[in-house]
């Protein structure tokens, strides 16, 4: 936990968020404040409910995966695991803190470390499968809308992010079902690193990574055995992604801004933003997310895009980070 530098990263997130708010509000402060005041709070509450339903779907997929290894695992534990995952993803570069936190929490919840590692692998795979399914459909749907013409740079960033995610997903699937190849590649890489003196303890490093290969393989075999659970979790993740990606549409309704968004276009554009920002090495992909939002949604939101951006970012990023920080501090004190 010390390596994750929780306080330092939280401060960085706070600083970047304040800086970004300043840059967004400095020219149209009064206009944005008026739009916030005139927001329909009932519709805004509905928007927050949509977010929490997506969060519950996410947590349920965690629950069904862990339940394979621990019969007494509960939904409240999965809900807590999910919110802590969001918190650590939000305060670490490239969302790199979520998976170590998952291992930590599952181990604290009496899940064997080997089983916890397998669970984390499955968490990642079902989410990536869902994201790529939605992303591929959205890509086909979005091309006629002229995204390339409206923002070529952002579109190319999406294509790069999509290819990276697809490559990682296929690599994980492949190594999960081919243990010999997996170990051969790992041993070859370790030998090369040893020759250039990057790896010193060759035998120990090989043993460690061979155990990881076994974990990948066991995860793949279990997924093959429990296809219904896999499909159920992928379906839950697809629902989670669709609900999360529809939030900009509901924010537009709540704020009353002029727009020509539909739920489908909101989902498509949000998938672009998510995949574009996956390789931004800043906590919360701050800067990249906002650039993608303005680049893509700018064609559909005619006025007051800043207020939509602020509310959307608060619901989908700042609120989960605040809640996760509270849960994390309560957990650590206990």
C-alpha atoms as a PDB file:
ATOM      1  CA  UNK A   1       0.000   0.000   0.000  1.00  0.00           C
ATOM      2  CA  UNK A   2       2.895   2.362   0.680  1.00  0.00           C
ATOM      3  CA  UNK A   3       4.087   2.050  -2.913  1.00  0.00           C
ATOM      4  CA  UNK A   4       0.806   3.475  -4.150  1.00  0.00           C
ATOM      5  CA  UNK A   5       1.486   6.785  -2.320  1.00  0.00           C
ATOM      6  CA  UNK A   6      -2.175   7.412  -1.592  1.00  0.00           C
ATOM      7  CA  UNK A   7      -1.795  10.876  -0.057  1.00  0.00           C
ATOM      8  CA  UNK A   8       0.589  12.126  -2.731  1.00  0.00           C
ATOM      9  CA  UNK A   9      -1.544  10.852  -5.598  1.00  0.00           C
ATOM     10  CA  UNK A  10      -4.717  12.215  -4.001  1.00  0.00           C
ATOM     11  CA  UNK A  11      -3.068  15.632  -3.761  1.00  0.00           C
ATOM     12  CA  UNK A  12      -2.026  15.441  -7.426  1.00  0.00           C
ATOM     13  CA  UNK A  13      -5.600  14.595  -8.421  1.00  0.00           C
ATOM     14  CA  UNK A  14      -6.948  17.478  -6.323  1.00  0.00           C
ATOM     15  CA  UNK A  15      -4.402  19.911  -7.796  1.00  0.00           C
ATOM     16  CA  UNK A  16      -5.048  18.838 -11.397  1.00  0.00           C
ATOM     17  CA  UNK A  17      -8.813  19.006 -10.881  1.00  0.00           C
ATOM     18  CA  UNK A  18      -8.627  22.529  -9.410  1.00  0.00           C
ATOM     19  CA  UNK A  19      -6.291  23.658 -12.187  1.00  0.00           C
ATOM     20  CA  UNK A  20      -8.578  22.258 -14.847  1.00  0.00           C
ATOM     21  CA  UNK A  21     -11.651  23.857 -13.276  1.00  0.00           C
ATOM     22  CA  UNK A  22      -9.830  27.191 -13.249  1.00  0.00           C
ATOM     23  CA  UNK A  23      -8.947  26.874 -16.936  1.00  0.00           C
ATOM     24  CA  UNK A  24     -12.511  25.866 -17.823  1.00  0.00           C
ATOM     25  CA  UNK A  25     -14.233  28.566 -15.763  1.00  0.00           C
ATOM     26  CA  UNK A  26     -11.912  31.535 -16.141  1.00  0.00           C
ATOM     27  CA  UNK A  27     -13.619  32.979 -19.232  1.00  0.00           C
ATOM     28  CA  UNK A  28     -17.279  32.084 -18.639  1.00  0.00           C
ATOM     29  CA  UNK A  29     -17.486  31.783 -14.858  1.00  0.00           C
ATOM     30  CA  UNK A  30     -20.804  33.623 -14.453  1.00  0.00           C
ATOM     31  CA  UNK A  31     -22.430  31.751 -17.326  1.00  0.00           C
ATOM     32  CA  UNK A  32     -21.368  28.349 -15.997  1.00  0.00           C
ATOM     33  CA  UNK A  33     -22.549  29.190 -12.463  1.00  0.00           C
ATOM     34  CA  UNK A  34     -25.933  30.325 -13.827  1.00  0.00           C
ATOM     35  CA  UNK A  35     -26.281  27.090 -15.792  1.00  0.00           C
ATOM     36  CA  UNK A  36     -25.455  25.075 -12.667  1.00  0.00           C
ATOM     37  CA  UNK A  37     -28.042  26.997 -10.632  1.00  0.00           C
ATOM     38  CA  UNK A  38     -30.702  26.483 -13.323  1.00  0.00           C
ATOM     39  CA  UNK A  39     -30.056  22.743 -13.552  1.00  0.00           C
ATOM     40  CA  UNK A  40     -33.068  20.455 -13.088  1.00  0.00           C
ATOM     41  CA  UNK A  41     -32.006  18.724  -9.869  1.00  0.00           C
ATOM     42  CA  UNK A  42     -34.576  15.956 -10.205  1.00  0.00           C
ATOM     43  CA  UNK A  43     -33.124  14.946 -13.563  1.00  0.00           C
ATOM     44  CA  UNK A  44     -29.641  15.353 -12.113  1.00  0.00           C
ATOM     45  CA  UNK A  45     -30.600  12.936  -9.327  1.00  0.00           C
ATOM     46  CA  UNK A  46     -31.837  10.482 -11.973  1.00  0.00           C
ATOM     47  CA  UNK A  47     -28.461  10.821 -13.708  1.00  0.00           C
ATOM     48  CA  UNK A  48     -26.651   9.953 -10.474  1.00  0.00           C
ATOM     49  CA  UNK A  49     -28.970   6.951 -10.032  1.00  0.00           C
ATOM     50  CA  UNK A  50     -28.024   5.777 -13.543  1.00  0.00           C
ATOM     51  CA  UNK A  51     -24.379   5.966 -12.511  1.00  0.00           C
ATOM     52  CA  UNK A  52     -24.991   3.941  -9.338  1.00  0.00           C
ATOM     53  CA  UNK A  53     -26.894   1.263 -11.264  1.00  0.00           C
ATOM     54  CA  UNK A  54     -23.875   0.928 -13.551  1.00  0.00           C
ATOM     55  CA  UNK A  55     -21.683   0.715 -10.441  1.00  0.00           C
ATOM     56  CA  UNK A  56     -23.872  -2.088  -9.018  1.00  0.00           C
ATOM     57  CA  UNK A  57     -23.639  -4.045 -12.290  1.00  0.00           C
ATOM     58  CA  UNK A  58     -19.864  -3.694 -12.128  1.00  0.00           C
ATOM     59  CA  UNK A  59     -19.789  -4.932  -8.526  1.00  0.00           C
ATOM     60  CA  UNK A  60     -22.076  -7.885  -9.314  1.00  0.00           C
ATOM     61  CA  UNK A  61     -19.654  -9.095 -11.966  1.00  0.00           C
ATOM     62  CA  UNK A  62     -16.939  -9.036  -9.285  1.00  0.00           C
ATOM     63  CA  UNK A  63     -19.245 -10.931  -6.925  1.00  0.00           C
ATOM     64  CA  UNK A  64     -19.982 -13.776  -9.361  1.00  0.00           C
ATOM     65  CA  UNK A  65     -16.296 -14.205 -10.223  1.00  0.00           C
ATOM     66  CA  UNK A  66     -15.069 -14.317  -6.607  1.00  0.00           C
ATOM     67  CA  UNK A  67     -17.994 -16.551  -5.608  1.00  0.00           C
ATOM     68  CA  UNK A  68     -16.381 -19.321  -7.674  1.00  0.00           C
ATOM     69  CA  UNK A  69     -13.528 -19.438  -5.149  1.00  0.00           C
ATOM     70  CA  UNK A  70     -15.187 -18.426  -1.882  1.00  0.00           C
ATOM     71  CA  UNK A  71     -18.741 -19.566  -1.222  1.00  0.00           C
ATOM     72  CA  UNK A  72     -19.326 -17.130   1.628  1.00  0.00           C
ATOM     73  CA  UNK A  73     -18.285 -14.061  -0.393  1.00  0.00           C
ATOM     74  CA  UNK A  74     -20.993 -11.394  -0.128  1.00  0.00           C
ATOM     75  CA  UNK A  75     -22.378  -8.631  -2.330  1.00  0.00           C
ATOM     76  CA  UNK A  76     -21.454  -5.885   0.216  1.00  0.00           C
ATOM     77  CA  UNK A  77     -17.830  -7.047  -0.025  1.00  0.00           C
ATOM     78  CA  UNK A  78     -18.023  -6.830  -3.822  1.00  0.00           C
ATOM     79  CA  UNK A  79     -19.506  -3.324  -3.592  1.00  0.00           C
ATOM     80  CA  UNK A  80     -16.646  -2.237  -1.330  1.00  0.00           C
ATOM     81  CA  UNK A  81     -14.078  -3.878  -3.603  1.00  0.00           C
ATOM     82  CA  UNK A  82     -15.521  -2.033  -6.582  1.00  0.00           C
ATOM     83  CA  UNK A  83     -15.468   1.405  -4.986  1.00  0.00           C
ATOM     84  CA  UNK A  84     -11.883   0.928  -3.778  1.00  0.00           C
ATOM     85  CA  UNK A  85     -10.919  -0.199  -7.280  1.00  0.00           C
ATOM     86  CA  UNK A  86     -12.409   2.989  -8.737  1.00  0.00           C
ATOM     87  CA  UNK A  87     -10.602   5.059  -6.108  1.00  0.00           C
ATOM     88  CA  UNK A  88      -7.156   3.615  -6.829  1.00  0.00           C
ATOM     89  CA  UNK A  89      -7.725   3.629 -10.579  1.00  0.00           C
ATOM     90  CA  UNK A  90      -8.629   7.297 -10.228  1.00  0.00           C
ATOM     91  CA  UNK A  91      -5.552   8.408  -8.293  1.00  0.00           C
ATOM     92  CA  UNK A  92      -2.855   6.445 -10.116  1.00  0.00           C
ATOM     93  CA  UNK A  93      -1.332   6.959 -13.602  1.00  0.00           C
ATOM     94  CA  UNK A  94      -2.785   4.704 -16.308  1.00  0.00           C
ATOM     95  CA  UNK A  95      -5.278   3.437 -13.679  1.00  0.00           C
ATOM     96  CA  UNK A  96      -2.475   1.148 -12.482  1.00  0.00           C
ATOM     97  CA  UNK A  97      -3.484   1.066  -8.816  1.00  0.00           C
ATOM     98  CA  UNK A  98      -6.819  -0.693  -9.168  1.00  0.00           C
ATOM     99  CA  UNK A  99      -5.530  -4.224  -9.688  1.00  0.00           C
ATOM    100  CA  UNK A 100      -2.999  -4.218  -6.799  1.00  0.00           C
ATOM    101  CA  UNK A 101      -5.797  -2.861  -4.605  1.00  0.00           C
ATOM    102  CA  UNK A 102      -8.068  -5.700  -5.729  1.00  0.00           C
ATOM    103  CA  UNK A 103      -5.433  -8.231  -4.685  1.00  0.00           C
ATOM    104  CA  UNK A 104      -4.997  -6.468  -1.341  1.00  0.00           C
ATOM    105  CA  UNK A 105      -8.733  -6.314  -0.580  1.00  0.00           C
ATOM    106  CA  UNK A 106      -9.445  -9.888  -1.699  1.00  0.00           C
ATOM    107  CA  UNK A 107      -6.565 -11.175   0.422  1.00  0.00           C
ATOM    108  CA  UNK A 108      -7.937  -9.232   3.412  1.00  0.00           C
ATOM    109  CA  UNK A 109     -11.314 -10.848   2.698  1.00  0.00           C
ATOM    110  CA  UNK A 110      -9.716 -14.289   3.176  1.00  0.00           C
ATOM    111  CA  UNK A 111      -9.443 -15.182  -0.515  1.00  0.00           C
ATOM    112  CA  UNK A 112      -6.273 -17.198  -1.199  1.00  0.00           C
ATOM    113  CA  UNK A 113      -3.636 -15.119  -2.953  1.00  0.00           C
ATOM    114  CA  UNK A 114      -3.494 -17.493  -5.935  1.00  0.00           C
ATOM    115  CA  UNK A 115      -7.283 -17.371  -6.279  1.00  0.00           C
ATOM    116  CA  UNK A 116      -7.287 -13.595  -5.830  1.00  0.00           C
ATOM    117  CA  UNK A 117      -4.762 -13.256  -8.667  1.00  0.00           C
ATOM    118  CA  UNK A 118      -6.983 -15.356 -10.908  1.00  0.00           C
ATOM    119  CA  UNK A 119     -10.000 -13.220  -9.968  1.00  0.00           C
ATOM    120  CA  UNK A 120      -8.156 -10.033 -10.893  1.00  0.00           C
ATOM    121  CA  UNK A 121      -7.260 -11.494 -14.279  1.00  0.00           C
ATOM    122  CA  UNK A 122     -10.902 -12.412 -14.887  1.00  0.00           C
ATOM    123  CA  UNK A 123     -12.108  -8.966 -13.742  1.00  0.00           C
ATOM    124  CA  UNK A 124      -9.885  -7.347 -16.327  1.00  0.00           C
ATOM    125  CA  UNK A 125     -10.778  -9.738 -19.131  1.00  0.00           C
ATOM    126  CA  UNK A 126     -14.569  -9.514 -18.779  1.00  0.00           C
ATOM    127  CA  UNK A 127     -14.391  -5.708 -18.683  1.00  0.00           C
ATOM    128  CA  UNK A 128     -12.135  -5.567 -21.735  1.00  0.00           C
ATOM    129  CA  UNK A 129     -14.380  -7.970 -23.644  1.00  0.00           C
ATOM    130  CA  UNK A 130     -17.415  -5.800 -22.856  1.00  0.00           C
ATOM    131  CA  UNK A 131     -15.596  -2.554 -23.675  1.00  0.00           C
ATOM    132  CA  UNK A 132     -14.290  -3.855 -26.985  1.00  0.00           C
ATOM    133  CA  UNK A 133     -17.711  -5.252 -27.974  1.00  0.00           C
ATOM    134  CA  UNK A 134     -19.356  -1.912 -27.283  1.00  0.00           C
ATOM    135  CA  UNK A 135     -16.416  -0.044 -28.840  1.00  0.00           C
ATOM    136  CA  UNK A 136     -16.545  -2.058 -32.073  1.00  0.00           C
ATOM    137  CA  UNK A 137     -20.294  -1.516 -32.469  1.00  0.00           C
ATOM    138  CA  UNK A 138     -19.911   2.177 -31.666  1.00  0.00           C
ATOM    139  CA  UNK A 139     -17.113   2.520 -34.224  1.00  0.00           C
ATOM    140  CA  UNK A 140     -19.334   1.088 -36.942  1.00  0.00           C
ATOM    141  CA  UNK A 141     -22.204   3.334 -35.828  1.00  0.00           C
ATOM    142  CA  UNK A 142     -20.062   6.471 -35.548  1.00  0.00           C
ATOM    143  CA  UNK A 143     -18.256   6.476 -38.893  1.00  0.00           C
ATOM    144  CA  UNK A 144     -21.323   7.815 -40.794  1.00  0.00           C
ATOM    145  CA  UNK A 145     -21.594  10.626 -38.204  1.00  0.00           C
ATOM    146  CA  UNK A 146     -18.381  12.202 -39.529  1.00  0.00           C
ATOM    147  CA  UNK A 147     -16.139  11.922 -36.469  1.00  0.00           C
ATOM    148  CA  UNK A 148     -13.061  11.768 -38.678  1.00  0.00           C
ATOM    149  CA  UNK A 149     -13.852  15.114 -40.275  1.00  0.00           C
ATOM    150  CA  UNK A 150     -14.807  16.774 -36.979  1.00  0.00           C
ATOM    151  CA  UNK A 151     -11.650  15.796 -35.061  1.00  0.00           C
ATOM    152  CA  UNK A 152      -9.066  13.738 -36.976  1.00  0.00           C
ATOM    153  CA  UNK A 153      -6.507  13.791 -34.126  1.00  0.00           C
ATOM    154  CA  UNK A 154      -9.010  12.525 -31.546  1.00  0.00           C
ATOM    155  CA  UNK A 155     -10.250   9.868 -33.972  1.00  0.00           C
ATOM    156  CA  UNK A 156      -6.723   8.569 -34.615  1.00  0.00           C
ATOM    157  CA  UNK A 157      -6.137   8.524 -30.851  1.00  0.00           C
ATOM    158  CA  UNK A 158      -9.234   6.333 -30.575  1.00  0.00           C
ATOM    159  CA  UNK A 159      -7.979   3.937 -33.232  1.00  0.00           C
ATOM    160  CA  UNK A 160      -4.607   3.657 -31.443  1.00  0.00           C
ATOM    161  CA  UNK A 161      -6.321   3.060 -28.091  1.00  0.00           C
ATOM    162  CA  UNK A 162      -8.687   0.500 -29.636  1.00  0.00           C
ATOM    163  CA  UNK A 163      -5.810  -1.426 -31.240  1.00  0.00           C
ATOM    164  CA  UNK A 164      -3.814  -1.378 -27.980  1.00  0.00           C
ATOM    165  CA  UNK A 165      -6.768  -2.685 -25.963  1.00  0.00           C
ATOM    166  CA  UNK A 166      -7.628  -5.356 -28.524  1.00  0.00           C
ATOM    167  CA  UNK A 167      -3.988  -6.495 -28.628  1.00  0.00           C
ATOM    168  CA  UNK A 168      -3.808  -6.737 -24.824  1.00  0.00           C
ATOM    169  CA  UNK A 169      -7.114  -8.615 -24.679  1.00  0.00           C
ATOM    170  CA  UNK A 170      -6.135 -11.150 -27.349  1.00  0.00           C
ATOM    171  CA  UNK A 171      -2.726 -11.604 -25.746  1.00  0.00           C
ATOM    172  CA  UNK A 172      -4.318 -12.347 -22.361  1.00  0.00           C
ATOM    173  CA  UNK A 173      -6.805 -14.762 -23.919  1.00  0.00           C
ATOM    174  CA  UNK A 174      -4.044 -16.512 -25.853  1.00  0.00           C
ATOM    175  CA  UNK A 175      -1.675 -16.913 -22.913  1.00  0.00           C
ATOM    176  CA  UNK A 176      -4.566 -18.030 -20.705  1.00  0.00           C
ATOM    177  CA  UNK A 177      -5.109 -21.074 -22.925  1.00  0.00           C
ATOM    178  CA  UNK A 178      -1.530 -21.859 -24.000  1.00  0.00           C
ATOM    179  CA  UNK A 179       0.704 -22.417 -20.983  1.00  0.00           C
ATOM    180  CA  UNK A 180       3.703 -23.806 -22.886  1.00  0.00           C
ATOM    181  CA  UNK A 181       3.923 -20.858 -25.239  1.00  0.00           C
ATOM    182  CA  UNK A 182       3.421 -18.469 -22.351  1.00  0.00           C
ATOM    183  CA  UNK A 183       6.294 -19.941 -20.335  1.00  0.00           C
ATOM    184  CA  UNK A 184       8.552 -20.145 -23.390  1.00  0.00           C
ATOM    185  CA  UNK A 185       8.063 -16.420 -24.113  1.00  0.00           C
ATOM    186  CA  UNK A 186       8.597 -15.481 -20.460  1.00  0.00           C
ATOM    187  CA  UNK A 187      11.781 -17.540 -20.164  1.00  0.00           C
ATOM    188  CA  UNK A 188      13.131 -16.103 -23.427  1.00  0.00           C
ATOM    189  CA  UNK A 189      12.481 -12.514 -22.283  1.00  0.00           C
ATOM    190  CA  UNK A 190      14.081 -13.177 -18.884  1.00  0.00           C
ATOM    191  CA  UNK A 191      17.171 -14.689 -20.535  1.00  0.00           C
ATOM    192  CA  UNK A 192      17.519 -11.630 -22.779  1.00  0.00           C
ATOM    193  CA  UNK A 193      17.125  -9.288 -19.800  1.00  0.00           C
ATOM    194  CA  UNK A 194      19.690 -11.312 -17.871  1.00  0.00           C
ATOM    195  CA  UNK A 195      22.243 -10.926 -20.655  1.00  0.00           C
ATOM    196  CA  UNK A 196      21.915  -7.143 -20.565  1.00  0.00           C
ATOM    197  CA  UNK A 197      22.055  -7.303 -16.746  1.00  0.00           C
ATOM    198  CA  UNK A 198      18.540  -6.045 -16.126  1.00  0.00           C
ATOM    199  CA  UNK A 199      17.618  -9.282 -14.319  1.00  0.00           C
ATOM    200  CA  UNK A 200      20.077 -10.586 -11.743  1.00  0.00           C
ATOM    201  CA  UNK A 201      18.257 -13.464 -10.057  1.00  0.00           C
ATOM    202  CA  UNK A 202      17.371 -15.464 -13.191  1.00  0.00           C
ATOM    203  CA  UNK A 203      16.099 -18.627 -11.499  1.00  0.00           C
ATOM    204  CA  UNK A 204      14.022 -16.706  -8.947  1.00  0.00           C
ATOM    205  CA  UNK A 205      12.536 -14.436 -11.603  1.00  0.00           C
ATOM    206  CA  UNK A 206      11.693 -17.391 -13.831  1.00  0.00           C
ATOM    207  CA  UNK A 207      10.029 -19.213 -10.926  1.00  0.00           C
ATOM    208  CA  UNK A 208       7.955 -16.147 -10.094  1.00  0.00           C
ATOM    209  CA  UNK A 209       6.815 -15.559 -13.669  1.00  0.00           C
ATOM    210  CA  UNK A 210       6.181 -19.247 -14.304  1.00  0.00           C
ATOM    211  CA  UNK A 211       3.817 -19.166 -11.322  1.00  0.00           C
ATOM    212  CA  UNK A 212       2.087 -16.198 -12.952  1.00  0.00           C
ATOM    213  CA  UNK A 213       1.806 -18.205 -16.174  1.00  0.00           C
ATOM    214  CA  UNK A 214       0.180 -21.014 -14.219  1.00  0.00           C
ATOM    215  CA  UNK A 215      -2.247 -18.463 -12.792  1.00  0.00           C
ATOM    216  CA  UNK A 216      -3.174 -17.228 -16.256  1.00  0.00           C
ATOM    217  CA  UNK A 217      -3.684 -20.794 -17.448  1.00  0.00           C
ATOM    218  CA  UNK A 218      -5.789 -21.781 -14.428  1.00  0.00           C
ATOM    219  CA  UNK A 219      -7.896 -18.672 -14.968  1.00  0.00           C
ATOM    220  CA  UNK A 220      -8.475 -19.629 -18.593  1.00  0.00           C
ATOM    221  CA  UNK A 221      -9.417 -23.191 -17.715  1.00  0.00           C
ATOM    222  CA  UNK A 222     -11.875 -22.027 -15.084  1.00  0.00           C
ATOM    223  CA  UNK A 223     -13.441 -19.603 -17.553  1.00  0.00           C
ATOM    224  CA  UNK A 224     -13.843 -22.456 -20.054  1.00  0.00           C
ATOM    225  CA  UNK A 225     -15.446 -24.589 -17.365  1.00  0.00           C
ATOM    226  CA  UNK A 226     -17.820 -21.889 -16.098  1.00  0.00           C
ATOM    227  CA  UNK A 227     -19.011 -20.388 -19.384  1.00  0.00           C
ATOM    228  CA  UNK A 228     -22.363 -19.306 -17.907  1.00  0.00           C
ATOM    229  CA  UNK A 229     -20.653 -17.244 -15.227  1.00  0.00           C
ATOM    230  CA  UNK A 230     -18.352 -15.718 -17.832  1.00  0.00           C
ATOM    231  CA  UNK A 231     -21.272 -14.776 -20.080  1.00  0.00           C
ATOM    232  CA  UNK A 232     -23.233 -13.415 -17.119  1.00  0.00           C
ATOM    233  CA  UNK A 233     -20.294 -11.236 -16.064  1.00  0.00           C
ATOM    234  CA  UNK A 234     -19.684  -9.985 -19.614  1.00  0.00           C
ATOM    235  CA  UNK A 235     -23.391  -9.117 -19.898  1.00  0.00           C
ATOM    236  CA  UNK A 236     -23.263  -7.222 -16.603  1.00  0.00           C
ATOM    237  CA  UNK A 237     -20.194  -5.345 -17.818  1.00  0.00           C
ATOM    238  CA  UNK A 238     -21.890  -4.497 -21.116  1.00  0.00           C
ATOM    239  CA  UNK A 239     -24.871  -3.078 -19.192  1.00  0.00           C
ATOM    240  CA  UNK A 240     -22.460  -1.201 -16.907  1.00  0.00           C
ATOM    241  CA  UNK A 241     -20.609   0.300 -19.860  1.00  0.00           C
ATOM    242  CA  UNK A 242     -23.818   1.279 -21.693  1.00  0.00           C
ATOM    243  CA  UNK A 243     -25.272   2.995 -18.618  1.00  0.00           C
ATOM    244  CA  UNK A 244     -22.012   4.784 -17.851  1.00  0.00           C
ATOM    245  CA  UNK A 245     -21.652   5.968 -21.434  1.00  0.00           C
ATOM    246  CA  UNK A 246     -25.234   7.276 -21.546  1.00  0.00           C
ATOM    247  CA  UNK A 247     -24.638   9.718 -18.669  1.00  0.00           C
ATOM    248  CA  UNK A 248     -23.681  12.717 -20.886  1.00  0.00           C
ATOM    249  CA  UNK A 249     -27.122  12.464 -22.515  1.00  0.00           C
ATOM    250  CA  UNK A 250     -28.863  12.606 -19.131  1.00  0.00           C
ATOM    251  CA  UNK A 251     -26.633  15.501 -18.042  1.00  0.00           C
ATOM    252  CA  UNK A 252     -27.727  17.421 -21.142  1.00  0.00           C
ATOM    253  CA  UNK A 253     -31.361  16.805 -20.218  1.00  0.00           C
ATOM    254  CA  UNK A 254     -30.747  17.924 -16.617  1.00  0.00           C
ATOM    255  CA  UNK A 255     -28.949  21.134 -17.586  1.00  0.00           C
ATOM    256  CA  UNK A 256     -31.327  21.984 -20.418  1.00  0.00           C
ATOM    257  CA  UNK A 257     -28.504  22.884 -22.810  1.00  0.00           C
ATOM    258  CA  UNK A 258     -29.153  22.946 -26.534  1.00  0.00           C
ATOM    259  CA  UNK A 259     -28.056  19.638 -28.021  1.00  0.00           C
ATOM    260  CA  UNK A 260     -28.878  17.053 -30.651  1.00  0.00           C
ATOM    261  CA  UNK A 261     -27.567  14.053 -28.718  1.00  0.00           C
ATOM    262  CA  UNK A 262     -29.327  10.703 -28.543  1.00  0.00           C
ATOM    263  CA  UNK A 263     -28.536   7.928 -26.085  1.00  0.00           C
ATOM    264  CA  UNK A 264     -26.877   5.995 -28.922  1.00  0.00           C
ATOM    265  CA  UNK A 265     -24.627   8.899 -29.919  1.00  0.00           C
ATOM    266  CA  UNK A 266     -23.817   9.536 -26.241  1.00  0.00           C
ATOM    267  CA  UNK A 267     -22.741   5.901 -25.822  1.00  0.00           C
ATOM    268  CA  UNK A 268     -20.705   5.992 -29.035  1.00  0.00           C
ATOM    269  CA  UNK A 269     -18.895   9.222 -28.187  1.00  0.00           C
ATOM    270  CA  UNK A 270     -18.231   8.133 -24.589  1.00  0.00           C
ATOM    271  CA  UNK A 271     -16.685   4.898 -25.837  1.00  0.00           C
ATOM    272  CA  UNK A 272     -14.384   6.984 -28.026  1.00  0.00           C
ATOM    273  CA  UNK A 273     -13.359   9.143 -25.066  1.00  0.00           C
ATOM    274  CA  UNK A 274     -12.730   6.158 -22.773  1.00  0.00           C
ATOM    275  CA  UNK A 275     -10.621   4.268 -25.295  1.00  0.00           C
ATOM    276  CA  UNK A 276      -8.760   7.424 -26.403  1.00  0.00           C
ATOM    277  CA  UNK A 277      -7.704   8.241 -22.847  1.00  0.00           C
ATOM    278  CA  UNK A 278      -6.629   4.742 -21.795  1.00  0.00           C
ATOM    279  CA  UNK A 279      -2.918   5.504 -22.315  1.00  0.00           C
ATOM    280  CA  UNK A 280      -2.765   9.011 -20.815  1.00  0.00           C
ATOM    281  CA  UNK A 281      -0.131   8.698 -18.025  1.00  0.00           C
ATOM    282  CA  UNK A 282      -1.912  11.091 -15.645  1.00  0.00           C
ATOM    283  CA  UNK A 283      -4.224  10.132 -12.746  1.00  0.00           C
ATOM    284  CA  UNK A 284      -7.763  10.053 -14.065  1.00  0.00           C
ATOM    285  CA  UNK A 285      -6.380  10.737 -17.572  1.00  0.00           C
ATOM    286  CA  UNK A 286      -6.939  14.391 -16.652  1.00  0.00           C
ATOM    287  CA  UNK A 287      -6.556  16.612 -19.680  1.00  0.00           C
ATOM    288  CA  UNK A 288      -6.988  13.809 -22.208  1.00  0.00           C
ATOM    289  CA  UNK A 289     -10.516  13.043 -21.023  1.00  0.00           C
ATOM    290  CA  UNK A 290     -11.546  16.688 -21.192  1.00  0.00           C
ATOM    291  CA  UNK A 291      -9.954  17.163 -24.609  1.00  0.00           C
ATOM    292  CA  UNK A 292     -11.787  14.117 -25.939  1.00  0.00           C
ATOM    293  CA  UNK A 293     -15.080  15.286 -24.436  1.00  0.00           C
ATOM    294  CA  UNK A 294     -14.899  18.733 -26.036  1.00  0.00           C
ATOM    295  CA  UNK A 295     -13.592  17.326 -29.350  1.00  0.00           C
ATOM    296  CA  UNK A 296     -16.330  14.739 -29.780  1.00  0.00           C
ATOM    297  CA  UNK A 297     -19.323  16.174 -27.922  1.00  0.00           C
ATOM    298  CA  UNK A 298     -18.660  19.653 -29.313  1.00  0.00           C
ATOM    299  CA  UNK A 299     -20.496  18.698 -32.516  1.00  0.00           C
ATOM    300  CA  UNK A 300     -23.646  17.715 -30.618  1.00  0.00           C
ATOM    301  CA  UNK A 301     -23.819  20.115 -27.663  1.00  0.00           C
ATOM    302  CA  UNK A 302     -24.620  23.521 -29.115  1.00  0.00           C
ATOM    303  CA  UNK A 303     -24.266  25.625 -25.952  1.00  0.00           C
ATOM    304  CA  UNK A 304     -22.825  25.435 -22.418  1.00  0.00           C
ATOM    305  CA  UNK A 305     -20.624  22.415 -23.063  1.00  0.00           C
ATOM    306  CA  UNK A 306     -18.485  23.451 -20.076  1.00  0.00           C
ATOM    307  CA  UNK A 307     -21.280  22.907 -17.560  1.00  0.00           C
ATOM    308  CA  UNK A 308     -22.036  19.482 -19.084  1.00  0.00           C
ATOM    309  CA  UNK A 309     -18.343  18.586 -18.882  1.00  0.00           C
ATOM    310  CA  UNK A 310     -18.102  19.670 -15.218  1.00  0.00           C
ATOM    311  CA  UNK A 311     -21.200  17.732 -14.099  1.00  0.00           C
ATOM    312  CA  UNK A 312     -20.296  14.646 -16.137  1.00  0.00           C
ATOM    313  CA  UNK A 313     -16.746  14.639 -14.781  1.00  0.00           C
ATOM    314  CA  UNK A 314     -18.000  15.101 -11.224  1.00  0.00           C
ATOM    315  CA  UNK A 315     -20.432  12.163 -11.427  1.00  0.00           C
ATOM    316  CA  UNK A 316     -18.146   9.723 -13.235  1.00  0.00           C
ATOM    317  CA  UNK A 317     -14.785  10.603 -11.677  1.00  0.00           C
ATOM    318  CA  UNK A 318     -14.690  13.024  -8.757  1.00  0.00           C
ATOM    319  CA  UNK A 319     -17.640  11.531  -6.841  1.00  0.00           C
ATOM    320  CA  UNK A 320     -16.292   7.930  -7.015  1.00  0.00           C
ATOM    321  CA  UNK A 321     -12.836   9.140  -5.929  1.00  0.00           C
ATOM    322  CA  UNK A 322     -14.319  11.005  -2.936  1.00  0.00           C
ATOM    323  CA  UNK A 323     -16.434   8.011  -1.922  1.00  0.00           C
ATOM    324  CA  UNK A 324     -13.535   5.618  -2.416  1.00  0.00           C
ATOM    325  CA  UNK A 325     -11.256   7.814  -0.304  1.00  0.00           C
ATOM    326  CA  UNK A 326     -13.803   7.782   2.523  1.00  0.00           C
ATOM    327  CA  UNK A 327     -14.246   3.995   2.339  1.00  0.00           C
ATOM    328  CA  UNK A 328     -10.476   3.458   2.147  1.00  0.00           C
ATOM    329  CA  UNK A 329      -9.781   5.598   5.232  1.00  0.00           C
ATOM    330  CA  UNK A 330     -12.550   3.910   7.210  1.00  0.00           C
ATOM    331  CA  UNK A 331     -11.180   0.496   6.221  1.00  0.00           C
ATOM    332  CA  UNK A 332      -7.607   1.391   7.144  1.00  0.00           C
ATOM    333  CA  UNK A 333      -8.644   2.678  10.560  1.00  0.00           C
ATOM    334  CA  UNK A 334     -10.447  -0.565  11.230  1.00  0.00           C
END
